[in-house]
Amino acid sequence: MTQGDSGPGRTELVRSGPLATITFDNPGRRNALTSAMYADLRRHCLDLAADPTVRVVAVRGAGGAFAAGTDVADLEVIADGADGVAYEAEITAVLDAVRALPVPVVALVDGPAVGGGLAIVACCDLVYATPAAVFGAPVARTLGNCVSPATTARMRAALGRALATELLLTGRLATADEALAAGLVRTVAPAERLDAVLAELVERVVVCAPLSVAAAKTFGRRLDDLAAAVRSDDVYTEVYGSADFHEGVRAFRERRRPAWAAGASGP
């Protein structure tokens, strides 16, 4: 798949003692994730996984948003079902790098964590959110693509089957309080308190045995893998090769409601 014109977005890494912080920054696009930002996230995670001095990784967004999905410029270059399969494989490689980190990964969510943003949050071990945070994967309402089996499984595990299914079928977004009640979010706090909550966690983690923490992460990842081991390429091929997907991307660009194909059958 050829990378689109994704704009100036970047994914930054800052280390501070045992804490490493990864920040999404795509000004004016609510930190929508470009191909380059995804690639940087994967590279940062691979580097951090090999650094024994890092004990906690935090993932956050700049400017009042976590990440509002994949930048639509990178979806415009998906021409057919094969491109869709390749795109999903690229995203899976990124998410697997987040999941493979042997230390606790904490999402600090302010504003939207939707689509690809929610997929990343669902790979994190703990989620701290502000009251302004919202969560969802509204592709059925917006772009007409689909959510991977692995992310669907993690959404069900984190939000419960009923709420996760409602969000996927209707495209609506869950509030921070809903996500807290469901179990995805551990703490809801004002934006100015998130760093203090994170610092308290770091203090607790650094006195723990690194191998014990890594073992807990490994077993959790293996359990996730069992839940997500289902076929998917046939669905990706049909969805990303459909007229509805291309209509969804055009409509998003044109800021209008998509006109889905009448009577289209599902994959």
C-alpha atoms as a PDB file:
ATOM      1  CA  MET A   1       0.000   0.000   0.000  1.00  0.00           C
ATOM      2  CA  THR A   2       1.350   3.429  -0.911  1.00  0.00           C
ATOM      3  CA  GLN A   3       1.398   5.987   1.871  1.00  0.00           C
ATOM      4  CA  GLY A   4      -0.929   8.938   1.379  1.00  0.00           C
ATOM      5  CA  ASP A   5      -0.266  12.623   1.925  1.00  0.00           C
ATOM      6  CA  SER A   6      -0.604  12.343   5.699  1.00  0.00           C
ATOM      7  CA  GLY A   7       0.319  15.824   6.810  1.00  0.00           C
ATOM      8  CA  PRO A   8       2.646  16.955   9.586  1.00  0.00           C
ATOM      9  CA  GLY A   9       1.705  14.478  12.324  1.00  0.00           C
ATOM     10  CA  ARG A  10       4.398  12.933  14.502  1.00  0.00           C
ATOM     11  CA  THR A  11       4.802  10.486  17.380  1.00  0.00           C
ATOM     12  CA  GLU A  12       7.292  11.682  19.984  1.00  0.00           C
ATOM     13  CA  LEU A  13       9.160   9.712  22.655  1.00  0.00           C
ATOM     14  CA  VAL A  14      10.487  11.275  25.874  1.00  0.00           C
ATOM     15  CA  ARG A  15      12.292   9.342  28.619  1.00  0.00           C
ATOM     16  CA  SER A  16      12.314  10.487  32.261  1.00  0.00           C
ATOM     17  CA  GLY A  17      13.967   7.999  34.603  1.00  0.00           C
ATOM     18  CA  PRO A  18      11.908   4.793  34.650  1.00  0.00           C
ATOM     19  CA  LEU A  19       9.061   6.407  32.684  1.00  0.00           C
ATOM     20  CA  ALA A  20       8.891   6.681  28.896  1.00  0.00           C
ATOM     21  CA  THR A  21       6.124   8.785  27.370  1.00  0.00           C
ATOM     22  CA  ILE A  22       4.906   8.446  23.793  1.00  0.00           C
ATOM     23  CA  THR A  23       2.843  11.387  22.532  1.00  0.00           C
ATOM     24  CA  PHE A  24       0.734  11.633  19.386  1.00  0.00           C
ATOM     25  CA  ASP A  25       0.772  15.087  17.837  1.00  0.00           C
ATOM     26  CA  ASN A  26      -1.141  15.880  14.656  1.00  0.00           C
ATOM     27  CA  PRO A  27      -2.346  19.465  15.098  1.00  0.00           C
ATOM     28  CA  GLY A  28      -5.735  20.357  13.683  1.00  0.00           C
ATOM     29  CA  ARG A  29      -6.688  16.695  13.078  1.00  0.00           C
ATOM     30  CA  ARG A  30      -7.334  15.591  16.679  1.00  0.00           C
ATOM     31  CA  ASN A  31      -4.127  13.551  16.441  1.00  0.00           C
ATOM     32  CA  ALA A  32      -5.421  11.354  13.625  1.00  0.00           C
ATOM     33  CA  LEU A  33      -2.748   8.725  13.054  1.00  0.00           C
ATOM     34  CA  THR A  34      -0.764   8.834   9.818  1.00  0.00           C
ATOM     35  CA  SER A  35       1.263   5.929   8.428  1.00  0.00           C
ATOM     36  CA  ALA A  36       4.412   7.657   9.629  1.00  0.00           C
ATOM     37  CA  MET A  37       2.967   8.080  13.126  1.00  0.00           C
ATOM     38  CA  TYR A  38       2.030   4.399  13.278  1.00  0.00           C
ATOM     39  CA  ALA A  39       5.524   3.442  12.090  1.00  0.00           C
ATOM     40  CA  ASP A  40       7.135   5.687  14.702  1.00  0.00           C
ATOM     41  CA  LEU A  41       4.945   4.175  17.421  1.00  0.00           C
ATOM     42  CA  ARG A  42       6.072   0.682  16.455  1.00  0.00           C
ATOM     43  CA  ARG A  43       9.726   1.731  16.328  1.00  0.00           C
ATOM     44  CA  HIS A  44       9.519   3.424  19.734  1.00  0.00           C
ATOM     45  CA  CYS A  45       7.906   0.343  21.270  1.00  0.00           C
ATOM     46  CA  LEU A  46      10.565  -1.972  19.836  1.00  0.00           C
ATOM     47  CA  ASP A  47      13.308   0.298  21.213  1.00  0.00           C
ATOM     48  CA  LEU A  48      11.680   0.531  24.644  1.00  0.00           C
ATOM     49  CA  ALA A  49      11.155  -3.227  24.857  1.00  0.00           C
ATOM     50  CA  ALA A  50      14.945  -3.646  24.693  1.00  0.00           C
ATOM     51  CA  ASP A  51      15.678  -1.013  27.378  1.00  0.00           C
ATOM     52  CA  PRO A  52      15.828  -2.521  30.898  1.00  0.00           C
ATOM     53  CA  THR A  53      15.815   0.915  32.535  1.00  0.00           C
ATOM     54  CA  VAL A  54      12.244   1.600  31.386  1.00  0.00           C
ATOM     55  CA  ARG A  55       9.662   0.363  33.891  1.00  0.00           C
ATOM     56  CA  VAL A  56       6.466   2.103  32.683  1.00  0.00           C
ATOM     57  CA  VAL A  57       5.372   3.419  29.273  1.00  0.00           C
ATOM     58  CA  ALA A  58       2.684   6.099  28.992  1.00  0.00           C
ATOM     59  CA  VAL A  59       0.830   6.819  25.745  1.00  0.00           C
ATOM     60  CA  ARG A  60      -1.044  10.091  25.318  1.00  0.00           C
ATOM     61  CA  GLY A  61      -2.106  12.715  22.797  1.00  0.00           C
ATOM     62  CA  ALA A  62      -1.286  16.412  22.571  1.00  0.00           C
ATOM     63  CA  GLY A  63      -3.783  19.266  22.545  1.00  0.00           C
ATOM     64  CA  GLY A  64      -6.884  17.779  24.149  1.00  0.00           C
ATOM     65  CA  ALA A  65      -7.244  14.606  22.074  1.00  0.00           C
ATOM     66  CA  PHE A  66      -5.792  11.117  22.329  1.00  0.00           C
ATOM     67  CA  ALA A  67      -6.136   9.963  18.704  1.00  0.00           C
ATOM     68  CA  ALA A  68      -9.119  10.279  16.368  1.00  0.00           C
ATOM     69  CA  GLY A  69      -8.491   7.173  14.273  1.00  0.00           C
ATOM     70  CA  THR A  70      -6.390   6.758  11.158  1.00  0.00           C
ATOM     71  CA  ASP A  71      -5.772   9.873   9.085  1.00  0.00           C
ATOM     72  CA  VAL A  72      -8.204   9.591   6.170  1.00  0.00           C
ATOM     73  CA  ALA A  73      -5.454  10.550   3.706  1.00  0.00           C
ATOM     74  CA  ASP A  74      -3.901   7.151   4.330  1.00  0.00           C
ATOM     75  CA  LEU A  75      -7.215   5.410   3.717  1.00  0.00           C
ATOM     76  CA  GLU A  76      -7.758   7.110   0.363  1.00  0.00           C
ATOM     77  CA  VAL A  77      -4.902   5.119  -1.164  1.00  0.00           C
ATOM     78  CA  ILE A  78      -6.620   1.780  -0.409  1.00  0.00           C
ATOM     79  CA  ALA A  79      -7.774   0.843  -3.899  1.00  0.00           C
ATOM     80  CA  ASP A  80      -9.101  -2.674  -3.384  1.00  0.00           C
ATOM     81  CA  GLY A  81      -9.504  -5.566  -0.994  1.00  0.00           C
ATOM     82  CA  ALA A  82      -5.848  -6.626  -1.228  1.00  0.00           C
ATOM     83  CA  ASP A  83      -4.778  -3.141  -0.130  1.00  0.00           C
ATOM     84  CA  GLY A  84      -7.194  -3.453   2.774  1.00  0.00           C
ATOM     85  CA  VAL A  85      -5.618  -6.729   3.869  1.00  0.00           C
ATOM     86  CA  ALA A  86      -2.160  -5.117   3.691  1.00  0.00           C
ATOM     87  CA  TYR A  87      -3.341  -2.073   5.660  1.00  0.00           C
ATOM     88  CA  GLU A  88      -4.780  -4.235   8.435  1.00  0.00           C
ATOM     89  CA  ALA A  89      -1.548  -6.263   8.580  1.00  0.00           C
ATOM     90  CA  GLU A  90       0.437  -3.035   9.040  1.00  0.00           C
ATOM     91  CA  ILE A  91      -1.830  -1.898  11.877  1.00  0.00           C
ATOM     92  CA  THR A  92      -1.642  -5.323  13.517  1.00  0.00           C
ATOM     93  CA  ALA A  93       2.175  -5.135  13.519  1.00  0.00           C
ATOM     94  CA  VAL A  94       1.975  -1.778  15.303  1.00  0.00           C
ATOM     95  CA  LEU A  95      -0.517  -3.006  17.910  1.00  0.00           C
ATOM     96  CA  ASP A  96       1.525  -6.151  18.497  1.00  0.00           C
ATOM     97  CA  ALA A  97       4.562  -3.979  19.289  1.00  0.00           C
ATOM     98  CA  VAL A  98       2.528  -2.086  21.912  1.00  0.00           C
ATOM     99  CA  ARG A  99       1.288  -5.355  23.401  1.00  0.00           C
ATOM    100  CA  ALA A 100       4.793  -6.868  23.430  1.00  0.00           C
ATOM    101  CA  LEU A 101       6.193  -4.239  25.785  1.00  0.00           C
ATOM    102  CA  PRO A 102       7.307  -6.143  28.925  1.00  0.00           C
ATOM    103  CA  VAL A 103       6.354  -3.273  31.250  1.00  0.00           C
ATOM    104  CA  PRO A 104       3.001  -1.696  32.162  1.00  0.00           C
ATOM    105  CA  VAL A 105       1.620   0.479  29.376  1.00  0.00           C
ATOM    106  CA  VAL A 106      -0.729   3.261  30.492  1.00  0.00           C
ATOM    107  CA  ALA A 107      -3.031   5.237  28.208  1.00  0.00           C
ATOM    108  CA  LEU A 108      -3.697   8.806  29.346  1.00  0.00           C
ATOM    109  CA  VAL A 109      -6.858   9.752  27.464  1.00  0.00           C
ATOM    110  CA  ASP A 110      -8.214  13.263  27.086  1.00  0.00           C
ATOM    111  CA  GLY A 111     -10.784  13.811  24.331  1.00  0.00           C
ATOM    112  CA  PRO A 112     -11.414  11.235  21.589  1.00  0.00           C
ATOM    113  CA  ALA A 113      -9.817   7.786  21.524  1.00  0.00           C
ATOM    114  CA  VAL A 114     -11.630   6.371  18.522  1.00  0.00           C
ATOM    115  CA  GLY A 115     -10.903   3.958  15.693  1.00  0.00           C
ATOM    116  CA  GLY A 116      -7.159   3.364  15.655  1.00  0.00           C
ATOM    117  CA  GLY A 117      -6.920   5.396  18.846  1.00  0.00           C
ATOM    118  CA  LEU A 118      -9.239   2.990  20.644  1.00  0.00           C
ATOM    119  CA  ALA A 119      -7.346   0.019  19.183  1.00  0.00           C
ATOM    120  CA  ILE A 120      -4.174   1.362  20.832  1.00  0.00           C
ATOM    121  CA  VAL A 121      -5.960   2.055  24.125  1.00  0.00           C
ATOM    122  CA  ALA A 122      -7.309  -1.506  24.140  1.00  0.00           C
ATOM    123  CA  CYS A 123      -3.694  -2.761  23.958  1.00  0.00           C
ATOM    124  CA  CYS A 124      -2.724  -0.810  27.070  1.00  0.00           C
ATOM    125  CA  ASP A 125      -2.741  -2.341  30.546  1.00  0.00           C
ATOM    126  CA  LEU A 126      -4.298   0.608  32.350  1.00  0.00           C
ATOM    127  CA  VAL A 127      -6.341   3.568  31.119  1.00  0.00           C
ATOM    128  CA  TYR A 128      -6.598   6.872  32.994  1.00  0.00           C
ATOM    129  CA  ALA A 129      -9.050   9.327  31.444  1.00  0.00           C
ATOM    130  CA  THR A 130     -10.402  12.838  31.857  1.00  0.00           C
ATOM    131  CA  PRO A 131     -14.146  13.540  31.952  1.00  0.00           C
ATOM    132  CA  ALA A 132     -13.831  14.768  28.337  1.00  0.00           C
ATOM    133  CA  ALA A 133     -12.612  11.390  27.056  1.00  0.00           C
ATOM    134  CA  VAL A 134     -14.780   9.399  24.628  1.00  0.00           C
ATOM    135  CA  PHE A 135     -14.200   5.918  23.251  1.00  0.00           C
ATOM    136  CA  GLY A 136     -15.477   4.047  20.226  1.00  0.00           C
ATOM    137  CA  ALA A 137     -14.937   2.646  16.748  1.00  0.00           C
ATOM    138  CA  PRO A 138     -17.577   4.441  14.649  1.00  0.00           C
ATOM    139  CA  VAL A 139     -16.566   2.948  11.290  1.00  0.00           C
ATOM    140  CA  ALA A 140     -20.067   1.608  10.631  1.00  0.00           C
ATOM    141  CA  ARG A 141     -21.310   5.206  10.717  1.00  0.00           C
ATOM    142  CA  THR A 142     -18.363   6.984   9.123  1.00  0.00           C
ATOM    143  CA  LEU A 143     -15.925   5.166   6.844  1.00  0.00           C
ATOM    144  CA  GLY A 144     -17.556   1.825   6.112  1.00  0.00           C
ATOM    145  CA  ASN A 145     -14.529  -0.329   6.937  1.00  0.00           C
ATOM    146  CA  CYS A 146     -14.292  -2.771   9.882  1.00  0.00           C
ATOM    147  CA  VAL A 147     -12.611  -3.502  13.203  1.00  0.00           C
ATOM    148  CA  SER A 148     -10.157  -6.392  13.377  1.00  0.00           C
ATOM    149  CA  PRO A 149     -10.962  -9.589  15.298  1.00  0.00           C
ATOM    150  CA  ALA A 150      -8.146  -8.867  17.761  1.00  0.00           C
ATOM    151  CA  THR A 151      -9.412  -5.361  18.550  1.00  0.00           C
ATOM    152  CA  THR A 152     -12.991  -6.640  18.736  1.00  0.00           C
ATOM    153  CA  ALA A 153     -11.881  -9.279  21.238  1.00  0.00           C
ATOM    154  CA  ARG A 154     -10.017  -6.709  23.325  1.00  0.00           C
ATOM    155  CA  MET A 155     -13.003  -4.347  23.234  1.00  0.00           C
ATOM    156  CA  ARG A 156     -15.255  -7.144  24.480  1.00  0.00           C
ATOM    157  CA  ALA A 157     -12.787  -8.009  27.236  1.00  0.00           C
ATOM    158  CA  ALA A 158     -12.401  -4.398  28.342  1.00  0.00           C
ATOM    159  CA  LEU A 159     -15.946  -3.071  27.865  1.00  0.00           C
ATOM    160  CA  GLY A 160     -18.073  -6.203  28.110  1.00  0.00           C
ATOM    161  CA  ARG A 161     -19.840  -7.911  25.237  1.00  0.00           C
ATOM    162  CA  ALA A 162     -23.006  -5.797  25.315  1.00  0.00           C
ATOM    163  CA  LEU A 163     -21.412  -2.333  25.316  1.00  0.00           C
ATOM    164  CA  ALA A 164     -18.674  -3.286  22.858  1.00  0.00           C
ATOM    165  CA  THR A 165     -21.247  -4.717  20.470  1.00  0.00           C
ATOM    166  CA  GLU A 166     -23.474  -1.642  20.766  1.00  0.00           C
ATOM    167  CA  LEU A 167     -20.581   0.678  19.971  1.00  0.00           C
ATOM    168  CA  LEU A 168     -19.590  -1.378  16.919  1.00  0.00           C
ATOM    169  CA  LEU A 169     -23.133  -1.763  15.578  1.00  0.00           C
ATOM    170  CA  THR A 170     -24.266   1.839  16.065  1.00  0.00           C
ATOM    171  CA  GLY A 171     -21.050   3.848  15.767  1.00  0.00           C
ATOM    172  CA  ARG A 172     -21.820   5.821  18.910  1.00  0.00           C
ATOM    173  CA  LEU A 173     -19.094   6.811  21.384  1.00  0.00           C
ATOM    174  CA  ALA A 174     -18.949   5.852  25.061  1.00  0.00           C
ATOM    175  CA  THR A 175     -18.288   8.498  27.687  1.00  0.00           C
ATOM    176  CA  ALA A 176     -15.506   8.323  30.241  1.00  0.00           C
ATOM    177  CA  ASP A 177     -18.015   7.393  32.940  1.00  0.00           C
ATOM    178  CA  GLU A 178     -19.430   4.574  30.797  1.00  0.00           C
ATOM    179  CA  ALA A 179     -15.924   3.267  30.125  1.00  0.00           C
ATOM    180  CA  LEU A 180     -15.135   3.471  33.832  1.00  0.00           C
ATOM    181  CA  ALA A 181     -18.259   1.518  34.781  1.00  0.00           C
ATOM    182  CA  ALA A 182     -17.545  -1.080  32.076  1.00  0.00           C
ATOM    183  CA  GLY A 183     -13.951  -1.611  33.194  1.00  0.00           C
ATOM    184  CA  LEU A 184     -11.924  -0.167  30.326  1.00  0.00           C
ATOM    185  CA  VAL A 185     -10.969   2.918  32.358  1.00  0.00           C
ATOM    186  CA  ARG A 186      -9.333   2.538  35.780  1.00  0.00           C
ATOM    187  CA  THR A 187      -9.544   6.183  36.888  1.00  0.00           C
ATOM    188  CA  VAL A 188     -11.333   9.330  35.720  1.00  0.00           C
ATOM    189  CA  ALA A 189      -9.570  12.506  36.834  1.00  0.00           C
ATOM    190  CA  PRO A 190      -9.227  16.126  35.693  1.00  0.00           C
ATOM    191  CA  ALA A 191      -6.605  16.639  32.998  1.00  0.00           C
ATOM    192  CA  GLU A 192      -4.313  18.440  35.422  1.00  0.00           C
ATOM    193  CA  ARG A 193      -4.343  15.385  37.729  1.00  0.00           C
ATOM    194  CA  LEU A 194      -3.397  12.711  35.184  1.00  0.00           C
ATOM    195  CA  ASP A 195       0.350  13.158  35.596  1.00  0.00           C
ATOM    196  CA  ALA A 196       0.057  12.808  39.374  1.00  0.00           C
ATOM    197  CA  VAL A 197      -1.996   9.619  39.011  1.00  0.00           C
ATOM    198  CA  LEU A 198       0.616   8.276  36.607  1.00  0.00           C
ATOM    199  CA  ALA A 199       3.464   9.188  38.980  1.00  0.00           C
ATOM    200  CA  GLU A 200       1.784   7.240  41.779  1.00  0.00           C
ATOM    201  CA  LEU A 201       1.621   4.173  39.542  1.00  0.00           C
ATOM    202  CA  VAL A 202       5.286   4.478  38.563  1.00  0.00           C
ATOM    203  CA  GLU A 203       6.243   4.572  42.251  1.00  0.00           C
ATOM    204  CA  ARG A 204       4.373   1.319  42.855  1.00  0.00           C
ATOM    205  CA  VAL A 205       5.729  -0.453  39.785  1.00  0.00           C
ATOM    206  CA  VAL A 206       9.442   0.313  40.283  1.00  0.00           C
ATOM    207  CA  VAL A 207       9.530  -1.665  43.550  1.00  0.00           C
ATOM    208  CA  CYS A 208       8.109  -4.773  41.848  1.00  0.00           C
ATOM    209  CA  ALA A 209      10.152  -7.607  40.335  1.00  0.00           C
ATOM    210  CA  PRO A 210      10.591  -6.871  36.614  1.00  0.00           C
ATOM    211  CA  LEU A 211      10.311 -10.549  35.614  1.00  0.00           C
ATOM    212  CA  SER A 212       7.068 -10.961  37.551  1.00  0.00           C
ATOM    213  CA  VAL A 213       5.609  -7.937  35.799  1.00  0.00           C
ATOM    214  CA  ALA A 214       6.827  -9.205  32.423  1.00  0.00           C
ATOM    215  CA  ALA A 215       5.327 -12.647  33.114  1.00  0.00           C
ATOM    216  CA  ALA A 216       1.921 -11.122  33.856  1.00  0.00           C
ATOM    217  CA  LYS A 217       2.146  -9.203  30.597  1.00  0.00           C
ATOM    218  CA  THR A 218       3.154 -12.310  28.631  1.00  0.00           C
ATOM    219  CA  PHE A 219       0.297 -14.432  29.971  1.00  0.00           C
ATOM    220  CA  GLY A 220      -2.215 -11.665  29.277  1.00  0.00           C
ATOM    221  CA  ARG A 221      -0.934 -11.333  25.712  1.00  0.00           C
ATOM    222  CA  ARG A 222      -1.197 -15.081  25.135  1.00  0.00           C
ATOM    223  CA  LEU A 223      -4.774 -15.110  26.403  1.00  0.00           C
ATOM    224  CA  ASP A 224      -5.589 -12.217  24.046  1.00  0.00           C
ATOM    225  CA  ASP A 225      -4.073 -14.155  21.155  1.00  0.00           C
ATOM    226  CA  LEU A 226      -6.334 -17.141  21.820  1.00  0.00           C
ATOM    227  CA  ALA A 227      -9.426 -14.919  21.739  1.00  0.00           C
ATOM    228  CA  ALA A 228      -8.393 -13.241  18.478  1.00  0.00           C
ATOM    229  CA  ALA A 229      -7.282 -16.301  16.501  1.00  0.00           C
ATOM    230  CA  VAL A 230     -10.034 -16.189  13.883  1.00  0.00           C
ATOM    231  CA  ARG A 231     -10.006 -15.761  10.092  1.00  0.00           C
ATOM    232  CA  SER A 232     -10.141 -12.172   8.868  1.00  0.00           C
ATOM    233  CA  ASP A 233      -8.595 -11.647   5.415  1.00  0.00           C
ATOM    234  CA  ASP A 234     -11.781 -12.708   3.613  1.00  0.00           C
ATOM    235  CA  VAL A 235     -13.761 -10.052   5.497  1.00  0.00           C
ATOM    236  CA  TYR A 236     -11.090  -7.386   4.929  1.00  0.00           C
ATOM    237  CA  THR A 237     -11.085  -8.158   1.205  1.00  0.00           C
ATOM    238  CA  GLU A 238     -14.843  -7.743   0.886  1.00  0.00           C
ATOM    239  CA  VAL A 239     -15.137  -4.648   3.085  1.00  0.00           C
ATOM    240  CA  TYR A 240     -12.157  -2.669   1.755  1.00  0.00           C
ATOM    241  CA  GLY A 241     -12.986  -3.648  -1.821  1.00  0.00           C
ATOM    242  CA  SER A 242     -16.569  -2.412  -1.515  1.00  0.00           C
ATOM    243  CA  ALA A 243     -18.130   0.694  -3.008  1.00  0.00           C
ATOM    244  CA  ASP A 244     -19.364   1.591   0.472  1.00  0.00           C
ATOM    245  CA  PHE A 245     -15.832   1.909   1.860  1.00  0.00           C
ATOM    246  CA  HIS A 246     -14.765   4.266  -0.931  1.00  0.00           C
ATOM    247  CA  GLU A 247     -17.986   6.239  -0.486  1.00  0.00           C
ATOM    248  CA  GLY A 248     -17.304   6.475   3.247  1.00  0.00           C
ATOM    249  CA  VAL A 249     -13.827   7.896   2.698  1.00  0.00           C
ATOM    250  CA  ARG A 250     -15.117  10.419   0.117  1.00  0.00           C
ATOM    251  CA  ALA A 251     -17.959  11.471   2.398  1.00  0.00           C
ATOM    252  CA  PHE A 252     -15.565  11.941   5.319  1.00  0.00           C
ATOM    253  CA  ARG A 253     -13.381  14.181   3.177  1.00  0.00           C
ATOM    254  CA  GLU A 254     -16.416  16.136   1.963  1.00  0.00           C
ATOM    255  CA  ARG A 255     -17.888  16.419   5.491  1.00  0.00           C
ATOM    256  CA  ARG A 256     -21.205  14.845   4.553  1.00  0.00           C
ATOM    257  CA  ARG A 257     -23.177  11.762   5.510  1.00  0.00           C
ATOM    258  CA  PRO A 258     -22.239   8.672   3.456  1.00  0.00           C
ATOM    259  CA  ALA A 259     -24.807   7.294   1.044  1.00  0.00           C
ATOM    260  CA  TRP A 260     -24.440   3.558   1.637  1.00  0.00           C
ATOM    261  CA  ALA A 261     -25.346   1.190  -1.205  1.00  0.00           C
ATOM    262  CA  ALA A 262     -29.035   0.219  -0.948  1.00  0.00           C
ATOM    263  CA  GLY A 263     -29.651  -3.430  -0.076  1.00  0.00           C
ATOM    264  CA  ALA A 264     -25.949  -4.274   0.221  1.00  0.00           C
ATOM    265  CA  SER A 265     -25.330  -7.650   1.820  1.00  0.00           C
ATOM    266  CA  GLY A 266     -22.912  -7.972   4.690  1.00  0.00           C
ATOM    267  CA  PRO A 267     -19.534  -9.762   4.516  1.00  0.00           C
END
